Amino acid sequence: GFMWHCFPAQKPLLNRLHFEHKFQSAVDTLL
C-alpha cells in the first residue's frame, strides 16, 4: 500500500543512496 519505502540493509546499496539528514546518521549507525 506504499506506506513504507524499503531498502535492503546492504552496504553497497545504502552507500549509494542519499538519505535526508534525519535518516543518514541512523543508516550510518546500522552499517
PDB file of all heavy atoms in Angstrom:
ATOM      1  N   GLY A   1       0.812  -1.216   0.000  1.00  0.00           N
ATOM      2  CA  GLY A   1       0.000   0.000   0.000  1.00  0.00           C
ATOM      3  C   GLY A   1       0.844   1.265   0.000  1.00  0.00           C
ATOM      4  O   GLY A   1       0.326   2.349   0.248  1.00  0.00           O
ATOM      5  N   PHE A   2       2.142   1.116  -0.233  1.00  0.00           N
ATOM      6  CA  PHE A   2       3.090   2.241  -0.329  1.00  0.00           C
ATOM      7  C   PHE A   2       3.193   3.058   0.960  1.00  0.00           C
ATOM      8  O   PHE A   2       3.464   4.255   0.915  1.00  0.00           O
ATOM      9  CB  PHE A   2       2.744   3.149  -1.524  1.00  0.00           C
ATOM     10  CG  PHE A   2       2.720   2.420  -2.822  1.00  0.00           C
ATOM     11  CD1 PHE A   2       1.506   2.108  -3.426  1.00  0.00           C
ATOM     12  CD2 PHE A   2       3.897   1.989  -3.414  1.00  0.00           C
ATOM     13  CE1 PHE A   2       1.476   1.400  -4.618  1.00  0.00           C
ATOM     14  CE2 PHE A   2       3.869   1.280  -4.603  1.00  0.00           C
ATOM     15  CZ  PHE A   2       2.651   0.992  -5.213  1.00  0.00           C
ATOM     16  N   MET A   3       3.004   2.394   2.106  1.00  0.00           N
ATOM     17  CA  MET A   3       3.160   3.090   3.384  1.00  0.00           C
ATOM     18  C   MET A   3       4.622   3.156   3.805  1.00  0.00           C
ATOM     19  O   MET A   3       4.982   3.979   4.631  1.00  0.00           O
ATOM     20  CB  MET A   3       2.313   2.399   4.451  1.00  0.00           C
ATOM     21  CG  MET A   3       0.828   2.486   4.123  1.00  0.00           C
ATOM     22  SD  MET A   3      -0.186   1.639   5.328  1.00  0.00           S
ATOM     23  CE  MET A   3      -0.001   2.759   6.690  1.00  0.00           C
ATOM     24  N   TRP A   4       5.437   2.268   3.268  1.00  0.00           N
ATOM     25  CA  TRP A   4       6.853   2.204   3.616  1.00  0.00           C
ATOM     26  C   TRP A   4       7.704   2.180   2.350  1.00  0.00           C
ATOM     27  O   TRP A   4       7.341   1.533   1.378  1.00  0.00           O
ATOM     28  CB  TRP A   4       7.165   0.927   4.409  1.00  0.00           C
ATOM     29  CG  TRP A   4       6.450   0.824   5.704  1.00  0.00           C
ATOM     30  CD1 TRP A   4       5.324   0.094   5.961  1.00  0.00           C
ATOM     31  CD2 TRP A   4       6.803   1.466   6.920  1.00  0.00           C
ATOM     32  NE1 TRP A   4       4.961   0.247   7.277  1.00  0.00           N
ATOM     33  CE2 TRP A   4       5.856   1.089   7.891  1.00  0.00           C
ATOM     34  CE3 TRP A   4       7.828   2.318   7.307  1.00  0.00           C
ATOM     35  CZ2 TRP A   4       5.896   1.529   9.204  1.00  0.00           C
ATOM     36  CZ3 TRP A   4       7.877   2.766   8.620  1.00  0.00           C
ATOM     37  CH2 TRP A   4       6.922   2.366   9.542  1.00  0.00           C
ATOM     38  N   HIS A   5       8.844   2.847   2.406  1.00  0.00           N
ATOM     39  CA  HIS A   5       9.880   2.707   1.394  1.00  0.00           C
ATOM     40  C   HIS A   5      10.852   1.663   1.948  1.00  0.00           C
ATOM     41  O   HIS A   5      11.286   1.783   3.098  1.00  0.00           O
ATOM     42  CB  HIS A   5      10.610   4.033   1.159  1.00  0.00           C
ATOM     43  CG  HIS A   5       9.699   5.138   0.738  1.00  0.00           C
ATOM     44  ND1 HIS A   5       9.127   5.194  -0.512  1.00  0.00           N
ATOM     45  CD2 HIS A   5       9.256   6.228   1.402  1.00  0.00           C
ATOM     46  CE1 HIS A   5       8.382   6.268  -0.597  1.00  0.00           C
ATOM     47  NE2 HIS A   5       8.432   6.922   0.551  1.00  0.00           N
ATOM     48  N   CYS A   6      11.185   0.658   1.158  1.00  0.00           N
ATOM     49  CA  CYS A   6      12.014  -0.460   1.629  1.00  0.00           C
ATOM     50  C   CYS A   6      13.364  -0.471   0.928  1.00  0.00           C
ATOM     51  O   CYS A   6      13.434  -0.287  -0.288  1.00  0.00           O
ATOM     52  CB  CYS A   6      11.325  -1.789   1.348  1.00  0.00           C
ATOM     53  SG  CYS A   6       9.706  -1.927   2.060  1.00  0.00           S
ATOM     54  N   PHE A   7      14.417  -0.720   1.721  1.00  0.00           N
ATOM     55  CA  PHE A   7      15.770  -0.798   1.194  1.00  0.00           C
ATOM     56  C   PHE A   7      16.482  -1.969   1.852  1.00  0.00           C
ATOM     57  O   PHE A   7      16.522  -2.042   3.086  1.00  0.00           O
ATOM     58  CB  PHE A   7      16.562   0.479   1.520  1.00  0.00           C
ATOM     59  CG  PHE A   7      15.882   1.743   1.086  1.00  0.00           C
ATOM     60  CD1 PHE A   7      15.069   2.443   1.963  1.00  0.00           C
ATOM     61  CD2 PHE A   7      16.048   2.218  -0.205  1.00  0.00           C
ATOM     62  CE1 PHE A   7      14.434   3.613   1.570  1.00  0.00           C
ATOM     63  CE2 PHE A   7      15.418   3.389  -0.605  1.00  0.00           C
ATOM     64  CZ  PHE A   7      14.609   4.090   0.286  1.00  0.00           C
ATOM     65  N   PRO A   8      17.047  -2.903   1.081  1.00  0.00           N
ATOM     66  CA  PRO A   8      17.858  -3.954   1.702  1.00  0.00           C
ATOM     67  C   PRO A   8      19.001  -3.311   2.492  1.00  0.00           C
ATOM     68  O   PRO A   8      19.619  -2.354   2.020  1.00  0.00           O
ATOM     69  CB  PRO A   8      18.389  -4.755   0.511  1.00  0.00           C
ATOM     70  CG  PRO A   8      17.425  -4.468  -0.591  1.00  0.00           C
ATOM     71  CD  PRO A   8      16.974  -3.052  -0.371  1.00  0.00           C
ATOM     72  N   ALA A   9      19.257  -3.806   3.672  1.00  0.00           N
ATOM     73  CA  ALA A   9      20.302  -3.226   4.540  1.00  0.00           C
ATOM     74  C   ALA A   9      21.668  -3.760   4.127  1.00  0.00           C
ATOM     75  O   ALA A   9      22.359  -4.426   4.887  1.00  0.00           O
ATOM     76  CB  ALA A   9      20.009  -3.524   6.006  1.00  0.00           C
ATOM     77  N   GLN A  10      22.042  -3.471   2.912  1.00  0.00           N
ATOM     78  CA  GLN A  10      23.325  -3.907   2.360  1.00  0.00           C
ATOM     79  C   GLN A  10      24.208  -2.690   2.130  1.00  0.00           C
ATOM     80  O   GLN A  10      23.761  -1.689   1.570  1.00  0.00           O
ATOM     81  CB  GLN A  10      23.110  -4.658   1.049  1.00  0.00           C
ATOM     82  CG  GLN A  10      22.204  -5.871   1.177  1.00  0.00           C
ATOM     83  CD  GLN A  10      22.732  -6.882   2.169  1.00  0.00           C
ATOM     84  OE1 GLN A  10      23.920  -7.187   2.176  1.00  0.00           O
ATOM     85  NE2 GLN A  10      21.871  -7.395   3.024  1.00  0.00           N
ATOM     86  N   LYS A  11      25.454  -2.785   2.547  1.00  0.00           N
ATOM     87  CA  LYS A  11      26.379  -1.659   2.475  1.00  0.00           C
ATOM     88  C   LYS A  11      26.499  -1.048   1.079  1.00  0.00           C
ATOM     89  O   LYS A  11      26.394   0.176   0.950  1.00  0.00           O
ATOM     90  CB  LYS A  11      27.746  -2.090   3.013  1.00  0.00           C
ATOM     91  CG  LYS A  11      28.723  -0.943   3.103  1.00  0.00           C
ATOM     92  CD  LYS A  11      29.868  -1.166   4.030  1.00  0.00           C
ATOM     93  CE  LYS A  11      30.985  -1.965   3.757  1.00  0.00           C
ATOM     94  NZ  LYS A  11      32.101  -1.979   4.637  1.00  0.00           N
ATOM     95  N   PRO A  12      26.696  -1.829   0.017  1.00  0.00           N
ATOM     96  CA  PRO A  12      26.843  -1.195  -1.302  1.00  0.00           C
ATOM     97  C   PRO A  12      25.622  -0.353  -1.711  1.00  0.00           C
ATOM     98  O   PRO A  12      25.766   0.735  -2.245  1.00  0.00           O
ATOM     99  CB  PRO A  12      27.033  -2.375  -2.258  1.00  0.00           C
ATOM    100  CG  PRO A  12      27.514  -3.489  -1.394  1.00  0.00           C
ATOM    101  CD  PRO A  12      26.880  -3.278  -0.054  1.00  0.00           C
ATOM    102  N   LEU A  13      24.430  -0.853  -1.410  1.00  0.00           N
ATOM    103  CA  LEU A  13      23.220  -0.117  -1.769  1.00  0.00           C
ATOM    104  C   LEU A  13      23.048   1.124  -0.894  1.00  0.00           C
ATOM    105  O   LEU A  13      22.838   2.229  -1.395  1.00  0.00           O
ATOM    106  CB  LEU A  13      21.987  -1.008  -1.645  1.00  0.00           C
ATOM    107  CG  LEU A  13      20.647  -0.285  -1.822  1.00  0.00           C
ATOM    108  CD1 LEU A  13      20.520   0.216  -3.264  1.00  0.00           C
ATOM    109  CD2 LEU A  13      19.494  -1.172  -1.448  1.00  0.00           C
ATOM    110  N   LEU A  14      23.133   0.955   0.405  1.00  0.00           N
ATOM    111  CA  LEU A  14      22.905   2.085   1.311  1.00  0.00           C
ATOM    112  C   LEU A  14      23.950   3.181   1.131  1.00  0.00           C
ATOM    113  O   LEU A  14      23.657   4.357   1.336  1.00  0.00           O
ATOM    114  CB  LEU A  14      22.852   1.606   2.770  1.00  0.00           C
ATOM    115  CG  LEU A  14      21.671   0.698   3.114  1.00  0.00           C
ATOM    116  CD1 LEU A  14      21.760   0.246   4.565  1.00  0.00           C
ATOM    117  CD2 LEU A  14      20.342   1.370   2.838  1.00  0.00           C
ATOM    118  N   ASN A  15      25.163   2.808   0.740  1.00  0.00           N
ATOM    119  CA  ASN A  15      26.199   3.823   0.496  1.00  0.00           C
ATOM    120  C   ASN A  15      25.915   4.645  -0.759  1.00  0.00           C
ATOM    121  O   ASN A  15      26.352   5.788  -0.860  1.00  0.00           O
ATOM    122  CB  ASN A  15      27.578   3.177   0.359  1.00  0.00           C
ATOM    123  CG  ASN A  15      28.188   2.879   1.698  1.00  0.00           C
ATOM    124  OD1 ASN A  15      27.860   3.500   2.708  1.00  0.00           O
ATOM    125  ND2 ASN A  15      29.089   1.914   1.731  1.00  0.00           N
ATOM    126  N   ARG A  16      25.199   4.078  -1.708  1.00  0.00           N
ATOM    127  CA  ARG A  16      24.905   4.802  -2.958  1.00  0.00           C
ATOM    128  C   ARG A  16      23.689   5.713  -2.837  1.00  0.00           C
ATOM    129  O   ARG A  16      23.509   6.611  -3.645  1.00  0.00           O
ATOM    130  CB  ARG A  16      24.685   3.814  -4.104  1.00  0.00           C
ATOM    131  CG  ARG A  16      25.974   3.189  -4.596  1.00  0.00           C
ATOM    132  CD  ARG A  16      25.796   2.499  -5.935  1.00  0.00           C
ATOM    133  NE  ARG A  16      24.650   1.619  -6.021  1.00  0.00           N
ATOM    134  CZ  ARG A  16      24.671   0.310  -5.821  1.00  0.00           C
ATOM    135  NH1 ARG A  16      25.794  -0.291  -5.505  1.00  0.00           N
ATOM    136  NH2 ARG A  16      23.588  -0.417  -5.950  1.00  0.00           N
ATOM    137  N   LEU A  17      22.830   5.448  -1.868  1.00  0.00           N
ATOM    138  CA  LEU A  17      21.614   6.246  -1.718  1.00  0.00           C
ATOM    139  C   LEU A  17      21.899   7.503  -0.916  1.00  0.00           C
ATOM    140  O   LEU A  17      22.744   7.518  -0.031  1.00  0.00           O
ATOM    141  CB  LEU A  17      20.532   5.422  -1.024  1.00  0.00           C
ATOM    142  CG  LEU A  17      20.066   4.183  -1.777  1.00  0.00           C
ATOM    143  CD1 LEU A  17      19.124   3.372  -0.911  1.00  0.00           C
ATOM    144  CD2 LEU A  17      19.392   4.571  -3.081  1.00  0.00           C
ATOM    145  N   HIS A  18      21.177   8.547  -1.230  1.00  0.00           N
ATOM    146  CA  HIS A  18      21.314   9.806  -0.491  1.00  0.00           C
ATOM    147  C   HIS A  18      20.075   9.992   0.365  1.00  0.00           C
ATOM    148  O   HIS A  18      18.981  10.205  -0.147  1.00  0.00           O
ATOM    149  CB  HIS A  18      21.485  10.971  -1.466  1.00  0.00           C
ATOM    150  CG  HIS A  18      22.710  10.849  -2.300  1.00  0.00           C
ATOM    151  ND1 HIS A  18      23.968  11.112  -1.809  1.00  0.00           N
ATOM    152  CD2 HIS A  18      22.882  10.437  -3.580  1.00  0.00           C
ATOM    153  CE1 HIS A  18      24.859  10.893  -2.758  1.00  0.00           C
ATOM    154  NE2 HIS A  18      24.234  10.473  -3.838  1.00  0.00           N
ATOM    155  N   PHE A  19      20.271   9.868   1.670  1.00  0.00           N
ATOM    156  CA  PHE A  19      19.162   9.993   2.609  1.00  0.00           C
ATOM    157  C   PHE A  19      19.146  11.398   3.200  1.00  0.00           C
ATOM    158  O   PHE A  19      20.190  12.039   3.319  1.00  0.00           O
ATOM    159  CB  PHE A  19      19.315   8.979   3.759  1.00  0.00           C
ATOM    160  CG  PHE A  19      19.167   7.560   3.319  1.00  0.00           C
ATOM    161  CD1 PHE A  19      20.282   6.773   3.050  1.00  0.00           C
ATOM    162  CD2 PHE A  19      17.914   6.995   3.171  1.00  0.00           C
ATOM    163  CE1 PHE A  19      20.149   5.459   2.657  1.00  0.00           C
ATOM    164  CE2 PHE A  19      17.771   5.680   2.771  1.00  0.00           C
ATOM    165  CZ  PHE A  19      18.893   4.907   2.522  1.00  0.00           C
ATOM    166  N   GLU A  20      17.962  11.835   3.602  1.00  0.00           N
ATOM    167  CA  GLU A  20      17.865  13.090   4.333  1.00  0.00           C
ATOM    168  C   GLU A  20      18.676  12.961   5.614  1.00  0.00           C
ATOM    169  O   GLU A  20      18.849  11.863   6.152  1.00  0.00           O
ATOM    170  CB  GLU A  20      16.406  13.383   4.701  1.00  0.00           C
ATOM    171  CG  GLU A  20      15.506  13.683   3.541  1.00  0.00           C
ATOM    172  CD  GLU A  20      14.086  13.936   4.004  1.00  0.00           C
ATOM    173  OE1 GLU A  20      13.893  14.689   4.985  1.00  0.00           O
ATOM    174  OE2 GLU A  20      13.173  13.372   3.380  1.00  0.00           O
ATOM    175  N   HIS A  21      19.150  14.088   6.134  1.00  0.00           N
ATOM    176  CA  HIS A  21      19.996  14.082   7.327  1.00  0.00           C
ATOM    177  C   HIS A  21      19.357  13.308   8.486  1.00  0.00           C
ATOM    178  O   HIS A  21      20.042  12.569   9.191  1.00  0.00           O
ATOM    179  CB  HIS A  21      20.319  15.512   7.763  1.00  0.00           C
ATOM    180  CG  HIS A  21      21.166  15.566   8.990  1.00  0.00           C
ATOM    181  ND1 HIS A  21      22.495  15.202   8.983  1.00  0.00           N
ATOM    182  CD2 HIS A  21      20.863  15.901  10.271  1.00  0.00           C
ATOM    183  CE1 HIS A  21      22.986  15.321  10.200  1.00  0.00           C
ATOM    184  NE2 HIS A  21      22.017  15.749  10.999  1.00  0.00           N
ATOM    185  N   LYS A  22      18.047  13.461   8.676  1.00  0.00           N
ATOM    186  CA  LYS A  22      17.383  12.792   9.804  1.00  0.00           C
ATOM    187  C   LYS A  22      17.446  11.271   9.705  1.00  0.00           C
ATOM    188  O   LYS A  22      17.247  10.576  10.689  1.00  0.00           O
ATOM    189  CB  LYS A  22      15.945  13.262   9.939  1.00  0.00           C
ATOM    190  CG  LYS A  22      15.069  12.937   8.756  1.00  0.00           C
ATOM    191  CD  LYS A  22      13.710  13.556   8.906  1.00  0.00           C
ATOM    192  CE  LYS A  22      12.956  13.518   7.590  1.00  0.00           C
ATOM    193  NZ  LYS A  22      11.792  14.366   7.632  1.00  0.00           N
ATOM    194  N   PHE A  23      17.738  10.739   8.516  1.00  0.00           N
ATOM    195  CA  PHE A  23      17.870   9.299   8.327  1.00  0.00           C
ATOM    196  C   PHE A  23      19.322   8.863   8.173  1.00  0.00           C
ATOM    197  O   PHE A  23      19.663   7.731   8.490  1.00  0.00           O
ATOM    198  CB  PHE A  23      17.081   8.838   7.095  1.00  0.00           C
ATOM    199  CG  PHE A  23      15.614   9.144   7.149  1.00  0.00           C
ATOM    200  CD1 PHE A  23      15.010   9.857   6.139  1.00  0.00           C
ATOM    201  CD2 PHE A  23      14.835   8.718   8.220  1.00  0.00           C
ATOM    202  CE1 PHE A  23      13.646  10.143   6.185  1.00  0.00           C
ATOM    203  CE2 PHE A  23      13.484   8.995   8.275  1.00  0.00           C
ATOM    204  CZ  PHE A  23      12.883   9.718   7.256  1.00  0.00           C
ATOM    205  N   GLN A  24      20.185   9.731   7.686  1.00  0.00           N
ATOM    206  CA  GLN A  24      21.552   9.336   7.345  1.00  0.00           C
ATOM    207  C   GLN A  24      22.332   8.833   8.548  1.00  0.00           C
ATOM    208  O   GLN A  24      23.030   7.825   8.454  1.00  0.00           O
ATOM    209  CB  GLN A  24      22.310  10.489   6.676  1.00  0.00           C
ATOM    210  CG  GLN A  24      23.660  10.050   6.116  1.00  0.00           C
ATOM    211  CD  GLN A  24      23.545   8.990   5.037  1.00  0.00           C
ATOM    212  OE1 GLN A  24      22.862   9.190   4.044  1.00  0.00           O
ATOM    213  NE2 GLN A  24      24.207   7.858   5.228  1.00  0.00           N
ATOM    214  N   SER A  25      22.246   9.502   9.706  1.00  0.00           N
ATOM    215  CA  SER A  25      23.018   9.027  10.857  1.00  0.00           C
ATOM    216  C   SER A  25      22.506   7.666  11.333  1.00  0.00           C
ATOM    217  O   SER A  25      23.287   6.841  11.801  1.00  0.00           O
ATOM    218  CB  SER A  25      23.039  10.047  11.993  1.00  0.00           C
ATOM    219  OG  SER A  25      21.770  10.211  12.548  1.00  0.00           O
ATOM    220  N   ALA A  26      21.202   7.403  11.178  1.00  0.00           N
ATOM    221  CA  ALA A  26      20.663   6.085  11.544  1.00  0.00           C
ATOM    222  C   ALA A  26      21.200   5.011  10.601  1.00  0.00           C
ATOM    223  O   ALA A  26      21.553   3.911  11.036  1.00  0.00           O
ATOM    224  CB  ALA A  26      19.140   6.108  11.512  1.00  0.00           C
ATOM    225  N   VAL A  27      21.282   5.319   9.313  1.00  0.00           N
ATOM    226  CA  VAL A  27      21.844   4.377   8.340  1.00  0.00           C
ATOM    227  C   VAL A  27      23.314   4.117   8.665  1.00  0.00           C
ATOM    228  O   VAL A  27      23.770   2.970   8.678  1.00  0.00           O
ATOM    229  CB  VAL A  27      21.675   4.912   6.894  1.00  0.00           C
ATOM    230  CG1 VAL A  27      22.505   4.094   5.909  1.00  0.00           C
ATOM    231  CG2 VAL A  27      20.213   4.899   6.488  1.00  0.00           C
ATOM    232  N   ASP A  28      24.070   5.169   8.964  1.00  0.00           N
ATOM    233  CA  ASP A  28      25.487   5.010   9.300  1.00  0.00           C
ATOM    234  C   ASP A  28      25.670   4.170  10.563  1.00  0.00           C
ATOM    235  O   ASP A  28      26.565   3.328  10.628  1.00  0.00           O
ATOM    236  CB  ASP A  28      26.145   6.380   9.484  1.00  0.00           C
ATOM    237  CG  ASP A  28      26.203   7.181   8.184  1.00  0.00           C
ATOM    238  OD1 ASP A  28      26.152   6.568   7.097  1.00  0.00           O
ATOM    239  OD2 ASP A  28      26.285   8.415   8.272  1.00  0.00           O
ATOM    240  N   THR A  29      24.812   4.385  11.548  1.00  0.00           N
ATOM    241  CA  THR A  29      24.882   3.600  12.786  1.00  0.00           C
ATOM    242  C   THR A  29      24.583   2.135  12.509  1.00  0.00           C
ATOM    243  O   THR A  29      25.260   1.248  13.033  1.00  0.00           O
ATOM    244  CB  THR A  29      23.896   4.165  13.829  1.00  0.00           C
ATOM    245  OG1 THR A  29      24.191   5.540  14.053  1.00  0.00           O
ATOM    246  CG2 THR A  29      23.990   3.421  15.142  1.00  0.00           C
ATOM    247  N   LEU A  30      23.578   1.868  11.691  1.00  0.00           N
ATOM    248  CA  LEU A  30      23.252   0.484  11.321  1.00  0.00           C
ATOM    249  C   LEU A  30      24.423  -0.171  10.604  1.00  0.00           C
ATOM    250  O   LEU A  30      24.785  -1.316  10.898  1.00  0.00           O
ATOM    251  CB  LEU A  30      22.004   0.449  10.437  1.00  0.00           C
ATOM    252  CG  LEU A  30      21.630  -0.916   9.858  1.00  0.00           C
ATOM    253  CD1 LEU A  30      21.324  -1.921  10.967  1.00  0.00           C
ATOM    254  CD2 LEU A  30      20.454  -0.780   8.902  1.00  0.00           C
ATOM    255  N   LEU A  31      25.047   0.543   9.675  1.00  0.00           N
ATOM    256  CA  LEU A  31      26.192  -0.023   8.959  1.00  0.00           C
ATOM    257  C   LEU A  31      27.351  -0.315   9.912  1.00  0.00           C
ATOM    258  O   LEU A  31      28.054  -1.314   9.745  1.00  0.00           O
ATOM    259  CB  LEU A  31      26.636   0.916   7.833  1.00  0.00           C
ATOM    260  CG  LEU A  31      25.674   1.021   6.653  1.00  0.00           C
ATOM    261  CD1 LEU A  31      26.133   2.088   5.672  1.00  0.00           C
ATOM    262  CD2 LEU A  31      25.496  -0.315   5.959  1.00  0.00           C
TER     263      LEU A  31
END
